[in-house]
PDB file of N, CA and C in Angstrom:
ATOM      1  N   UNK A   1      94.433 118.181 116.893  1.00  0.00           N
ATOM      2  CA  UNK A   1      95.239 118.431 115.696  1.00  0.00           C
ATOM      3  C   UNK A   1      94.384 119.046 114.592  1.00  0.00           C
ATOM      4  N   UNK A   2      95.050 119.865 113.796  1.00  0.00           N
ATOM      5  CA  UNK A   2      94.341 120.462 112.647  1.00  0.00           C
ATOM      6  C   UNK A   2      94.107 119.350 111.616  1.00  0.00           C
ATOM      7  N   UNK A   3      92.861 119.291 111.141  1.00  0.00           N
ATOM      8  CA  UNK A   3      92.526 118.303 110.091  1.00  0.00           C
ATOM      9  C   UNK A   3      92.985 118.829 108.722  1.00  0.00           C
ATOM     10  N   UNK A   4      93.532 117.950 107.955  1.00  0.00           N
ATOM     11  CA  UNK A   4      93.903 118.323 106.554  1.00  0.00           C
ATOM     12  C   UNK A   4      93.128 117.373 105.651  1.00  0.00           C
ATOM     13  N   UNK A   5      92.193 117.920 104.897  1.00  0.00           N
ATOM     14  CA  UNK A   5      91.374 117.062 104.046  1.00  0.00           C
ATOM     15  C   UNK A   5      92.167 116.461 102.897  1.00  0.00           C
ATOM     16  N   UNK A   6      91.761 115.207 102.572  1.00  0.00           N
ATOM     17  CA  UNK A   6      92.298 114.584 101.378  1.00  0.00           C
ATOM     18  C   UNK A   6      92.015 115.379 100.123  1.00  0.00           C
ATOM     19  N   UNK A   7      92.942 115.294  99.195  1.00  0.00           N
ATOM     20  CA  UNK A   7      92.660 115.948  97.876  1.00  0.00           C
ATOM     21  C   UNK A   7      93.847 116.552  97.250  1.00  0.00           C
ATOM     22  N   UNK A   8      93.647 117.095  96.035  1.00  0.00           N
ATOM     23  CA  UNK A   8      94.675 117.695  95.245  1.00  0.00           C
ATOM     24  C   UNK A   8      94.386 119.186  95.164  1.00  0.00           C
ATOM     25  N   UNK A   9      95.461 119.987  95.339  1.00  0.00           N
ATOM     26  CA  UNK A   9      95.328 121.436  95.279  1.00  0.00           C
ATOM     27  C   UNK A   9      96.344 121.931  94.298  1.00  0.00           C
ATOM     28  N   UNK A  10      96.058 122.997  93.549  1.00  0.00           N
ATOM     29  CA  UNK A  10      96.970 123.558  92.610  1.00  0.00           C
ATOM     30  C   UNK A  10      96.597 123.415  91.187  1.00  0.00           C
ATOM     31  N   UNK A  11      97.662 123.392  90.371  1.00  0.00           N
ATOM     32  CA  UNK A  11      97.495 123.273  88.916  1.00  0.00           C
ATOM     33  C   UNK A  11      98.465 122.216  88.408  1.00  0.00           C
ATOM     34  N   UNK A  12      98.452 121.889  87.098  1.00  0.00           N
ATOM     35  CA  UNK A  12      99.336 120.844  86.607  1.00  0.00           C
ATOM     36  C   UNK A  12     100.811 121.083  86.921  1.00  0.00           C
ATOM     37  N   UNK A  13     101.295 122.339  86.903  1.00  0.00           N
ATOM     38  CA  UNK A  13     102.680 122.632  87.181  1.00  0.00           C
ATOM     39  C   UNK A  13     103.063 122.834  88.636  1.00  0.00           C
ATOM     40  N   UNK A  14     102.059 123.126  89.489  1.00  0.00           N
ATOM     41  CA  UNK A  14     102.259 123.306  90.901  1.00  0.00           C
ATOM     42  C   UNK A  14     101.144 122.627  91.615  1.00  0.00           C
ATOM     43  N   UNK A  15     101.469 121.571  92.403  1.00  0.00           N
ATOM     44  CA  UNK A  15     100.369 120.888  93.089  1.00  0.00           C
ATOM     45  C   UNK A  15     100.845 120.265  94.363  1.00  0.00           C
ATOM     46  N   UNK A  16      99.848 120.100  95.228  1.00  0.00           N
ATOM     47  CA  UNK A  16     100.084 119.379  96.545  1.00  0.00           C
ATOM     48  C   UNK A  16      98.945 118.413  96.677  1.00  0.00           C
ATOM     49  N   UNK A  17      99.214 117.132  96.928  1.00  0.00           N
ATOM     50  CA  UNK A  17      98.205 116.140  97.190  1.00  0.00           C
ATOM     51  C   UNK A  17      98.405 115.650  98.591  1.00  0.00           C
ATOM     52  N   UNK A  18      97.322 115.463  99.321  1.00  0.00           N
ATOM     53  CA  UNK A  18      97.354 114.981 100.637  1.00  0.00           C
ATOM     54  C   UNK A  18      96.350 113.880 100.884  1.00  0.00           C
ATOM     55  N   UNK A  19      96.729 112.898 101.720  1.00  0.00           N
ATOM     56  CA  UNK A  19      95.805 111.785 102.048  1.00  0.00           C
ATOM     57  C   UNK A  19      96.174 111.351 103.462  1.00  0.00           C
ATOM     58  N   UNK A  20      95.159 111.484 104.348  1.00  0.00           N
ATOM     59  CA  UNK A  20      95.350 111.012 105.766  1.00  0.00           C
ATOM     60  C   UNK A  20      95.383 109.524 105.849  1.00  0.00           C
ATOM     61  N   UNK A  21      96.271 108.971 106.613  1.00  0.00           N
ATOM     62  CA  UNK A  21      96.418 107.543 106.780  1.00  0.00           C
ATOM     63  C   UNK A  21      95.725 107.086 108.065  1.00  0.00           C
ATOM     64  N   UNK A  22      95.395 105.899 108.154  1.00  0.00           N
ATOM     65  CA  UNK A  22      94.674 105.372 109.333  1.00  0.00           C
ATOM     66  C   UNK A  22      95.451 105.502 110.662  1.00  0.00           C
ATOM     67  N   UNK A  23      96.795 105.663 110.533  1.00  0.00           N
ATOM     68  CA  UNK A  23      97.638 105.841 111.726  1.00  0.00           C
ATOM     69  C   UNK A  23      97.850 107.303 112.109  1.00  0.00           C
ATOM     70  N   UNK A  24      97.187 108.230 111.395  1.00  0.00           N
ATOM     71  CA  UNK A  24      97.289 109.654 111.730  1.00  0.00           C
ATOM     72  C   UNK A  24      98.353 110.347 110.989  1.00  0.00           C
ATOM     73  N   UNK A  25      99.187 109.651 110.188  1.00  0.00           N
ATOM     74  CA  UNK A  25     100.220 110.327 109.404  1.00  0.00           C
ATOM     75  C   UNK A  25      99.570 110.842 108.134  1.00  0.00           C
ATOM     76  N   UNK A  26     100.280 111.770 107.485  1.00  0.00           N
ATOM     77  CA  UNK A  26      99.785 112.392 106.294  1.00  0.00           C
ATOM     78  C   UNK A  26     100.673 112.058 105.100  1.00  0.00           C
ATOM     79  N   UNK A  27     100.115 111.293 104.155  1.00  0.00           N
ATOM     80  CA  UNK A  27     100.866 110.987 102.918  1.00  0.00           C
ATOM     81  C   UNK A  27     100.701 112.197 101.985  1.00  0.00           C
ATOM     82  N   UNK A  28     101.810 112.697 101.435  1.00  0.00           N
ATOM     83  CA  UNK A  28     101.734 113.868 100.583  1.00  0.00           C
ATOM     84  C   UNK A  28     102.660 113.729  99.396  1.00  0.00           C
ATOM     85  N   UNK A  29     102.325 114.453  98.356  1.00  0.00           N
ATOM     86  CA  UNK A  29     103.168 114.688  97.179  1.00  0.00           C
ATOM     87  C   UNK A  29     103.142 116.158  96.875  1.00  0.00           C
ATOM     88  N   UNK A  30     104.334 116.758  96.787  1.00  0.00           N
ATOM     89  CA  UNK A  30     104.478 118.190  96.499  1.00  0.00           C
ATOM     90  C   UNK A  30     105.273 118.305  95.239  1.00  0.00           C
ATOM     91  N   UNK A  31     104.827 119.162  94.332  1.00  0.00           N
ATOM     92  CA  UNK A  31     105.532 119.372  93.073  1.00  0.00           C
ATOM     93  C   UNK A  31     105.358 120.830  92.638  1.00  0.00           C
ATOM     94  N   UNK A  32     106.388 121.540  92.297  1.00  0.00           N
ATOM     95  CA  UNK A  32     106.287 122.878  91.772  1.00  0.00           C
ATOM     96  C   UNK A  32     107.304 123.045  90.683  1.00  0.00           C
ATOM     97  N   UNK A  33     106.920 123.824  89.680  1.00  0.00           N
ATOM     98  CA  UNK A  33     107.811 124.078  88.533  1.00  0.00           C
ATOM     99  C   UNK A  33     108.154 125.560  88.554  1.00  0.00           C
ATOM    100  N   UNK A  34     109.467 125.871  88.438  1.00  0.00           N
ATOM    101  CA  UNK A  34     109.974 127.211  88.471  1.00  0.00           C
ATOM    102  C   UNK A  34     110.533 127.649  87.180  1.00  0.00           C
ATOM    103  N   UNK A  35     111.389 128.667  87.213  1.00  0.00           N
ATOM    104  CA  UNK A  35     112.047 129.210  86.041  1.00  0.00           C
ATOM    105  C   UNK A  35     112.816 128.158  85.257  1.00  0.00           C
ATOM    106  N   UNK A  36     112.722 128.210  83.963  1.00  0.00           N
ATOM    107  CA  UNK A  36     113.456 127.315  83.058  1.00  0.00           C
ATOM    108  C   UNK A  36     112.958 125.847  83.244  1.00  0.00           C
ATOM    109  N   UNK A  37     111.794 125.673  83.806  1.00  0.00           N
ATOM    110  CA  UNK A  37     111.262 124.293  83.999  1.00  0.00           C
ATOM    111  C   UNK A  37     111.894 123.515  85.098  1.00  0.00           C
ATOM    112  N   UNK A  38     112.633 124.224  85.985  1.00  0.00           N
ATOM    113  CA  UNK A  38     113.305 123.521  87.092  1.00  0.00           C
ATOM    114  C   UNK A  38     112.190 123.095  88.133  1.00  0.00           C
ATOM    115  N   UNK A  39     112.287 121.894  88.611  1.00  0.00           N
ATOM    116  CA  UNK A  39     111.293 121.301  89.426  1.00  0.00           C
ATOM    117  C   UNK A  39     111.750 121.152  90.909  1.00  0.00           C
ATOM    118  N   UNK A  40     110.776 121.334  91.806  1.00  0.00           N
ATOM    119  CA  UNK A  40     110.964 120.880  93.236  1.00  0.00           C
ATOM    120  C   UNK A  40     109.988 119.784  93.443  1.00  0.00           C
ATOM    121  N   UNK A  41     110.364 118.694  94.060  1.00  0.00           N
ATOM    122  CA  UNK A  41     109.436 117.634  94.318  1.00  0.00           C
ATOM    123  C   UNK A  41     109.796 116.963  95.595  1.00  0.00           C
ATOM    124  N   UNK A  42     108.706 116.562  96.318  1.00  0.00           N
ATOM    125  CA  UNK A  42     108.921 115.873  97.589  1.00  0.00           C
ATOM    126  C   UNK A  42     107.737 114.991  97.801  1.00  0.00           C
ATOM    127  N   UNK A  43     107.969 113.816  98.370  1.00  0.00           N
ATOM    128  CA  UNK A  43     106.906 112.875  98.586  1.00  0.00           C
ATOM    129  C   UNK A  43     107.203 112.070  99.849  1.00  0.00           C
ATOM    130  N   UNK A  44     106.202 111.811 100.672  1.00  0.00           N
ATOM    131  CA  UNK A  44     106.490 111.018 101.839  1.00  0.00           C
ATOM    132  C   UNK A  44     105.375 111.050 102.883  1.00  0.00           C
ATOM    133  N   UNK A  45     105.633 110.584 104.032  1.00  0.00           N
ATOM    134  CA  UNK A  45     104.706 110.517 105.176  1.00  0.00           C
ATOM    135  C   UNK A  45     105.139 111.554 106.197  1.00  0.00           C
ATOM    136  N   UNK A  46     104.186 112.494 106.521  1.00  0.00           N
ATOM    137  CA  UNK A  46     104.486 113.510 107.549  1.00  0.00           C
ATOM    138  C   UNK A  46     103.830 113.066 108.852  1.00  0.00           C
ATOM    139  N   UNK A  47     104.516 113.239 109.963  1.00  0.00           N
ATOM    140  CA  UNK A  47     104.089 112.808 111.229  1.00  0.00           C
ATOM    141  C   UNK A  47     103.404 113.986 112.004  1.00  0.00           C
ATOM    142  N   UNK A  48     102.255 113.775 112.603  1.00  0.00           N
ATOM    143  CA  UNK A  48     101.607 114.864 113.268  1.00  0.00           C
ATOM    144  C   UNK A  48     102.343 115.188 114.613  1.00  0.00           C
ATOM    145  N   UNK A  49     102.283 116.459 114.998  1.00  0.00           N
ATOM    146  CA  UNK A  49     102.774 116.927 116.308  1.00  0.00           C
ATOM    147  C   UNK A  49     101.640 117.489 117.115  1.00  0.00           C
ATOM    148  N   UNK A  50     101.837 117.729 118.384  1.00  0.00           N
ATOM    149  CA  UNK A  50     100.842 118.235 119.266  1.00  0.00           C
ATOM    150  C   UNK A  50     100.354 119.611 118.878  1.00  0.00           C
ATOM    151  N   UNK A  51     101.194 120.360 118.232  1.00  0.00           N
ATOM    152  CA  UNK A  51     100.813 121.702 117.768  1.00  0.00           C
ATOM    153  C   UNK A  51      99.949 121.737 116.485  1.00  0.00           C
ATOM    154  N   UNK A  52      99.760 120.561 115.889  1.00  0.00           N
ATOM    155  CA  UNK A  52      98.949 120.478 114.694  1.00  0.00           C
ATOM    156  C   UNK A  52      99.724 120.578 113.399  1.00  0.00           C
ATOM    157  N   UNK A  53     101.048 120.649 113.512  1.00  0.00           N
ATOM    158  CA  UNK A  53     101.928 120.692 112.356  1.00  0.00           C
ATOM    159  C   UNK A  53     102.288 119.245 112.036  1.00  0.00           C
ATOM    160  N   UNK A  54     102.198 118.925 110.727  1.00  0.00           N
ATOM    161  CA  UNK A  54     102.679 117.622 110.238  1.00  0.00           C
ATOM    162  C   UNK A  54     104.097 117.823 109.782  1.00  0.00           C
ATOM    163  N   UNK A  55     105.037 117.013 110.226  1.00  0.00           N
ATOM    164  CA  UNK A  55     106.477 117.166 109.916  1.00  0.00           C
ATOM    165  C   UNK A  55     107.003 116.005 109.154  1.00  0.00           C
ATOM    166  N   UNK A  56     107.709 116.338 108.003  1.00  0.00           N
ATOM    167  CA  UNK A  56     108.343 115.312 107.226  1.00  0.00           C
ATOM    168  C   UNK A  56     109.830 115.463 107.355  1.00  0.00           C
ATOM    169  N   UNK A  57     110.502 114.386 107.716  1.00  0.00           N
ATOM    170  CA  UNK A  57     111.977 114.315 107.790  1.00  0.00           C
ATOM    171  C   UNK A  57     112.393 112.987 107.214  1.00  0.00           C
ATOM    172  N   UNK A  58     113.271 113.092 106.199  1.00  0.00           N
ATOM    173  CA  UNK A  58     113.764 111.888 105.510  1.00  0.00           C
ATOM    174  C   UNK A  58     115.045 111.427 106.218  1.00  0.00           C
ATOM    175  N   UNK A  59     115.144 110.147 106.425  1.00  0.00           N
ATOM    176  CA  UNK A  59     116.354 109.597 107.077  1.00  0.00           C
ATOM    177  C   UNK A  59     117.589 109.992 106.275  1.00  0.00           C
ATOM    178  N   UNK A  60     118.634 110.423 106.971  1.00  0.00           N
ATOM    179  CA  UNK A  60     119.863 110.811 106.330  1.00  0.00           C
ATOM    180  C   UNK A  60     119.866 112.146 105.567  1.00  0.00           C
ATOM    181  N   UNK A  61     118.777 112.934 105.802  1.00  0.00           N
ATOM    182  CA  UNK A  61     118.632 114.228 105.119  1.00  0.00           C
ATOM    183  C   UNK A  61     118.539 115.346 106.095  1.00  0.00           C
ATOM    184  N   UNK A  62     118.895 116.555 105.679  1.00  0.00           N
ATOM    185  CA  UNK A  62     118.684 117.748 106.497  1.00  0.00           C
ATOM    186  C   UNK A  62     117.327 118.388 106.213  1.00  0.00           C
ATOM    187  N   UNK A  63     116.608 117.842 105.244  1.00  0.00           N
ATOM    188  CA  UNK A  63     115.308 118.410 104.833  1.00  0.00           C
ATOM    189  C   UNK A  63     114.277 118.191 105.961  1.00  0.00           C
ATOM    190  N   UNK A  64     113.616 119.323 106.350  1.00  0.00           N
ATOM    191  CA  UNK A  64     112.517 119.301 107.273  1.00  0.00           C
ATOM    192  C   UNK A  64     111.382 120.093 106.598  1.00  0.00           C
ATOM    193  N   UNK A  65     110.244 119.431 106.351  1.00  0.00           N
ATOM    194  CA  UNK A  65     109.158 119.999 105.601  1.00  0.00           C
ATOM    195  C   UNK A  65     107.906 119.992 106.490  1.00  0.00           C
ATOM    196  N   UNK A  66     107.261 121.137 106.689  1.00  0.00           N
ATOM    197  CA  UNK A  66     106.053 121.278 107.508  1.00  0.00           C
ATOM    198  C   UNK A  66     104.812 121.424 106.624  1.00  0.00           C
ATOM    199  N   UNK A  67     103.756 120.790 107.039  1.00  0.00           N
ATOM    200  CA  UNK A  67     102.427 121.017 106.472  1.00  0.00           C
ATOM    201  C   UNK A  67     101.427 121.283 107.594  1.00  0.00           C
ATOM    202  N   UNK A  68     100.630 122.291 107.475  1.00  0.00           N
ATOM    203  CA  UNK A  68      99.633 122.570 108.519  1.00  0.00           C
ATOM    204  C   UNK A  68      98.508 123.364 107.998  1.00  0.00           C
ATOM    205  N   UNK A  69      97.310 123.174 108.579  1.00  0.00           N
ATOM    206  CA  UNK A  69      96.069 123.853 108.175  1.00  0.00           C
ATOM    207  C   UNK A  69      95.983 125.193 108.895  1.00  0.00           C
ATOM    208  N   UNK A  70      95.557 126.186 108.133  1.00  0.00           N
ATOM    209  CA  UNK A  70      95.193 127.495 108.650  1.00  0.00           C
ATOM    210  C   UNK A  70      93.666 127.599 108.500  1.00  0.00           C
ATOM    211  N   UNK A  71      93.030 128.692 108.745  1.00  0.00           N
ATOM    212  CA  UNK A  71      91.583 128.843 108.684  1.00  0.00           C
ATOM    213  C   UNK A  71      91.049 128.575 107.281  1.00  0.00           C
ATOM    214  N   UNK A  72      91.778 129.008 106.250  1.00  0.00           N
ATOM    215  CA  UNK A  72      91.268 128.849 104.888  1.00  0.00           C
ATOM    216  C   UNK A  72      92.296 128.225 103.934  1.00  0.00           C
ATOM    217  N   UNK A  73      93.404 127.792 104.453  1.00  0.00           N
ATOM    218  CA  UNK A  73      94.418 127.266 103.529  1.00  0.00           C
ATOM    219  C   UNK A  73      95.309 126.217 104.248  1.00  0.00           C
ATOM    220  N   UNK A  74      95.947 125.419 103.382  1.00  0.00           N
ATOM    221  CA  UNK A  74      97.012 124.462 103.874  1.00  0.00           C
ATOM    222  C   UNK A  74      98.285 125.173 103.546  1.00  0.00           C
ATOM    223  N   UNK A  75      99.192 125.203 104.510  1.00  0.00           N
ATOM    224  CA  UNK A  75     100.477 125.909 104.300  1.00  0.00           C
ATOM    225  C   UNK A  75     101.577 124.826 104.296  1.00  0.00           C
ATOM    226  N   UNK A  76     102.562 125.023 103.431  1.00  0.00           N
ATOM    227  CA  UNK A  76     103.718 124.147 103.391  1.00  0.00           C
ATOM    228  C   UNK A  76     104.961 125.067 103.555  1.00  0.00           C
ATOM    229  N   UNK A  77     105.975 124.551 104.312  1.00  0.00           N
ATOM    230  CA  UNK A  77     107.184 125.295 104.571  1.00  0.00           C
ATOM    231  C   UNK A  77     108.380 124.434 104.487  1.00  0.00           C
ATOM    232  N   UNK A  78     109.429 124.951 103.831  1.00  0.00           N
ATOM    233  CA  UNK A  78     110.727 124.274 103.785  1.00  0.00           C
ATOM    234  C   UNK A  78     111.549 124.935 104.930  1.00  0.00           C
ATOM    235  N   UNK A  79     111.719 124.270 106.069  1.00  0.00           N
ATOM    236  CA  UNK A  79     112.368 124.822 107.226  1.00  0.00           C
ATOM    237  C   UNK A  79     113.855 124.873 106.972  1.00  0.00           C
ATOM    238  N   UNK A  80     114.451 126.066 106.991  1.00  0.00           N
ATOM    239  CA  UNK A  80     115.881 126.239 106.791  1.00  0.00           C
ATOM    240  C   UNK A  80     116.314 126.054 105.315  1.00  0.00           C
ATOM    241  N   UNK A  81     115.387 125.922 104.418  1.00  0.00           N
ATOM    242  CA  UNK A  81     115.674 125.752 102.945  1.00  0.00           C
ATOM    243  C   UNK A  81     116.533 124.576 102.632  1.00  0.00           C
ATOM    244  N   UNK A  82     116.595 123.565 103.507  1.00  0.00           N
ATOM    245  CA  UNK A  82     117.354 122.374 103.217  1.00  0.00           C
ATOM    246  C   UNK A  82     116.692 121.478 102.213  1.00  0.00           C
ATOM    247  N   UNK A  83     115.375 121.472 102.127  1.00  0.00           N
ATOM    248  CA  UNK A  83     114.686 120.668 101.101  1.00  0.00           C
ATOM    249  C   UNK A  83     115.058 121.211  99.732  1.00  0.00           C
ATOM    250  N   UNK A  84     115.066 122.522  99.608  1.00  0.00           N
ATOM    251  CA  UNK A  84     115.450 123.089  98.310  1.00  0.00           C
ATOM    252  C   UNK A  84     116.825 122.605  97.872  1.00  0.00           C
ATOM    253  N   UNK A  85     117.783 122.560  98.804  1.00  0.00           N
ATOM    254  CA  UNK A  85     119.110 122.182  98.487  1.00  0.00           C
ATOM    255  C   UNK A  85     119.172 120.731  97.944  1.00  0.00           C
ATOM    256  N   UNK A  86     118.255 119.902  98.443  1.00  0.00           N
ATOM    257  CA  UNK A  86     118.276 118.451  98.126  1.00  0.00           C
ATOM    258  C   UNK A  86     117.318 118.022  97.044  1.00  0.00           C
ATOM    259  N   UNK A  87     116.251 118.826  96.865  1.00  0.00           N
ATOM    260  CA  UNK A  87     115.160 118.327  95.982  1.00  0.00           C
ATOM    261  C   UNK A  87     114.620 119.310  94.916  1.00  0.00           C
ATOM    262  N   UNK A  88     115.420 120.353  94.642  1.00  0.00           N
ATOM    263  CA  UNK A  88     114.997 121.326  93.661  1.00  0.00           C
ATOM    264  C   UNK A  88     116.086 121.575  92.585  1.00  0.00           C
ATOM    265  N   UNK A  89     115.619 121.937  91.407  1.00  0.00           N
ATOM    266  CA  UNK A  89     116.489 122.455  90.405  1.00  0.00           C
ATOM    267  C   UNK A  89     116.998 123.829  90.808  1.00  0.00           C
ATOM    268  N   UNK A  90     118.076 124.315  90.152  1.00  0.00           N
ATOM    269  CA  UNK A  90     118.706 125.577  90.633  1.00  0.00           C
ATOM    270  C   UNK A  90     117.827 126.817  90.525  1.00  0.00           C
ATOM    271  N   UNK A  91     116.766 126.823  89.793  1.00  0.00           N
ATOM    272  CA  UNK A  91     115.953 128.019  89.626  1.00  0.00           C
ATOM    273  C   UNK A  91     114.546 127.831  90.266  1.00  0.00           C
ATOM    274  N   UNK A  92     114.489 127.140  91.330  1.00  0.00           N
ATOM    275  CA  UNK A  92     113.203 126.901  91.996  1.00  0.00           C
ATOM    276  C   UNK A  92     113.417 126.741  93.516  1.00  0.00           C
ATOM    277  N   UNK A  93     112.341 127.021  94.262  1.00  0.00           N
ATOM    278  CA  UNK A  93     112.395 126.898  95.718  1.00  0.00           C
ATOM    279  C   UNK A  93     111.107 126.344  96.229  1.00  0.00           C
ATOM    280  N   UNK A  94     111.191 125.707  97.416  1.00  0.00           N
ATOM    281  CA  UNK A  94     109.967 125.299  98.099  1.00  0.00           C
ATOM    282  C   UNK A  94     109.329 126.478  98.870  1.00  0.00           C
ATOM    283  N   UNK A  95     110.219 127.143  99.715  1.00  0.00           N
ATOM    284  CA  UNK A  95     109.772 128.313 100.456  1.00  0.00           C
ATOM    285  C   UNK A  95     108.573 127.992 101.318  1.00  0.00           C
ATOM    286  N   UNK A  96     107.676 128.952 101.403  1.00  0.00           N
ATOM    287  CA  UNK A  96     106.425 128.777 102.127  1.00  0.00           C
ATOM    288  C   UNK A  96     105.331 129.072 101.137  1.00  0.00           C
ATOM    289  N   UNK A  97     104.391 128.141 101.007  1.00  0.00           N
ATOM    290  CA  UNK A  97     103.313 128.271 100.103  1.00  0.00           C
ATOM    291  C   UNK A  97     101.956 128.032 100.747  1.00  0.00           C
ATOM    292  N   UNK A  98     100.898 128.657 100.244  1.00  0.00           N
ATOM    293  CA  UNK A  98      99.529 128.479 100.722  1.00  0.00           C
ATOM    294  C   UNK A  98      98.728 127.857  99.633  1.00  0.00           C
ATOM    295  N   UNK A  99      97.939 126.828 100.048  1.00  0.00           N
ATOM    296  CA  UNK A  99      97.081 126.068  99.151  1.00  0.00           C
ATOM    297  C   UNK A  99      95.628 126.162  99.681  1.00  0.00           C
ATOM    298  N   UNK A 100      94.755 126.873  98.997  1.00  0.00           N
ATOM    299  CA  UNK A 100      93.363 127.059  99.482  1.00  0.00           C
ATOM    300  C   UNK A 100      92.689 125.751  99.801  1.00  0.00           C
ATOM    301  N   UNK A 101      92.113 125.653 100.985  1.00  0.00           N
ATOM    302  CA  UNK A 101      91.404 124.459 101.360  1.00  0.00           C
ATOM    303  C   UNK A 101      90.126 124.227 100.631  1.00  0.00           C
ATOM    304  N   UNK A 102      89.487 125.257 100.142  1.00  0.00           N
ATOM    305  CA  UNK A 102      88.193 125.167  99.442  1.00  0.00           C
ATOM    306  C   UNK A 102      88.357 124.861  97.951  1.00  0.00           C
ATOM    307  N   UNK A 103      89.545 124.615  97.480  1.00  0.00           N
ATOM    308  CA  UNK A 103      89.812 124.395  96.075  1.00  0.00           C
ATOM    309  C   UNK A 103      90.397 122.982  95.886  1.00  0.00           C
ATOM    310  N   UNK A 104      89.828 121.994  96.559  1.00  0.00           N
ATOM    311  CA  UNK A 104      90.355 120.621  96.521  1.00  0.00           C
ATOM    312  C   UNK A 104      89.773 119.931  95.271  1.00  0.00           C
ATOM    313  N   UNK A 105      90.603 119.215  94.570  1.00  0.00           N
ATOM    314  CA  UNK A 105      90.220 118.398  93.448  1.00  0.00           C
ATOM    315  C   UNK A 105      90.405 116.982  93.827  1.00  0.00           C
ATOM    316  N   UNK A 106      89.824 116.060  93.014  1.00  0.00           N
ATOM    317  CA  UNK A 106      90.040 114.631  93.357  1.00  0.00           C
ATOM    318  C   UNK A 106      91.534 114.209  93.262  1.00  0.00           C
ATOM    319  N   UNK A 107      91.876 113.256  94.080  1.00  0.00           N
ATOM    320  CA  UNK A 107      93.279 112.755  94.040  1.00  0.00           C
ATOM    321  C   UNK A 107      93.516 112.079  92.708  1.00  0.00           C
ATOM    322  N   UNK A 108      94.725 112.070  92.314  1.00  0.00           N
ATOM    323  CA  UNK A 108      95.168 111.303  91.102  1.00  0.00           C
ATOM    324  C   UNK A 108      96.144 110.237  91.531  1.00  0.00           C
ATOM    325  N   UNK A 109      96.680 109.502  90.530  1.00  0.00           N
ATOM    326  CA  UNK A 109      97.597 108.466  90.855  1.00  0.00           C
ATOM    327  C   UNK A 109      98.952 109.081  91.274  1.00  0.00           C
ATOM    328  N   UNK A 110      99.099 110.401  91.149  1.00  0.00           N
ATOM    329  CA  UNK A 110     100.381 111.083  91.499  1.00  0.00           C
ATOM    330  C   UNK A 110     100.636 111.107  93.027  1.00  0.00           C
ATOM    331  N   UNK A 111      99.654 110.708  93.832  1.00  0.00           N
ATOM    332  CA  UNK A 111      99.893 110.630  95.285  1.00  0.00           C
ATOM    333  C   UNK A 111     100.910 109.592  95.617  1.00  0.00           C
ATOM    334  N   UNK A 112     101.188 108.677  94.635  1.00  0.00           N
ATOM    335  CA  UNK A 112     102.238 107.693  94.710  1.00  0.00           C
ATOM    336  C   UNK A 112     103.087 107.787  93.469  1.00  0.00           C
ATOM    337  N   UNK A 113     103.946 108.823  93.373  1.00  0.00           N
ATOM    338  CA  UNK A 113     104.705 109.068  92.113  1.00  0.00           C
ATOM    339  C   UNK A 113     105.734 108.040  91.845  1.00  0.00           C
ATOM    340  N   UNK A 114     106.150 107.949  90.631  1.00  0.00           N
ATOM    341  CA  UNK A 114     107.072 106.984  90.112  1.00  0.00           C
ATOM    342  C   UNK A 114     108.472 107.582  89.896  1.00  0.00           C
ATOM    343  N   UNK A 115     108.706 108.796  90.306  1.00  0.00           N
ATOM    344  CA  UNK A 115     110.037 109.391  90.003  1.00  0.00           C
ATOM    345  C   UNK A 115     111.119 108.750  90.725  1.00  0.00           C
TER     346      UNK A 115
END
């Protein structure tokens, strides 16, 4: 499986935090701010697959969110844009984003958000 290092990537308005758990699942918090201050946010445990992709599916939801490592970046994808429908303001999207692996910052308490 592709290793995803613990840490925070991004800026105050757009960030992704990841933390590997002892059972191999990936705890993550994703937050991005779009036009008019509209926010997309998602938090949970993603399960590893044999292909190296970590998959987050929330019970009772159509949202499928992928996280996976490339050679120099961590990529996130909203499969079918269902996460956007459920977790974003009207002027924002999850889409597909790249987060540089070499720009990791220390984790903050936001890995366990209170929203």
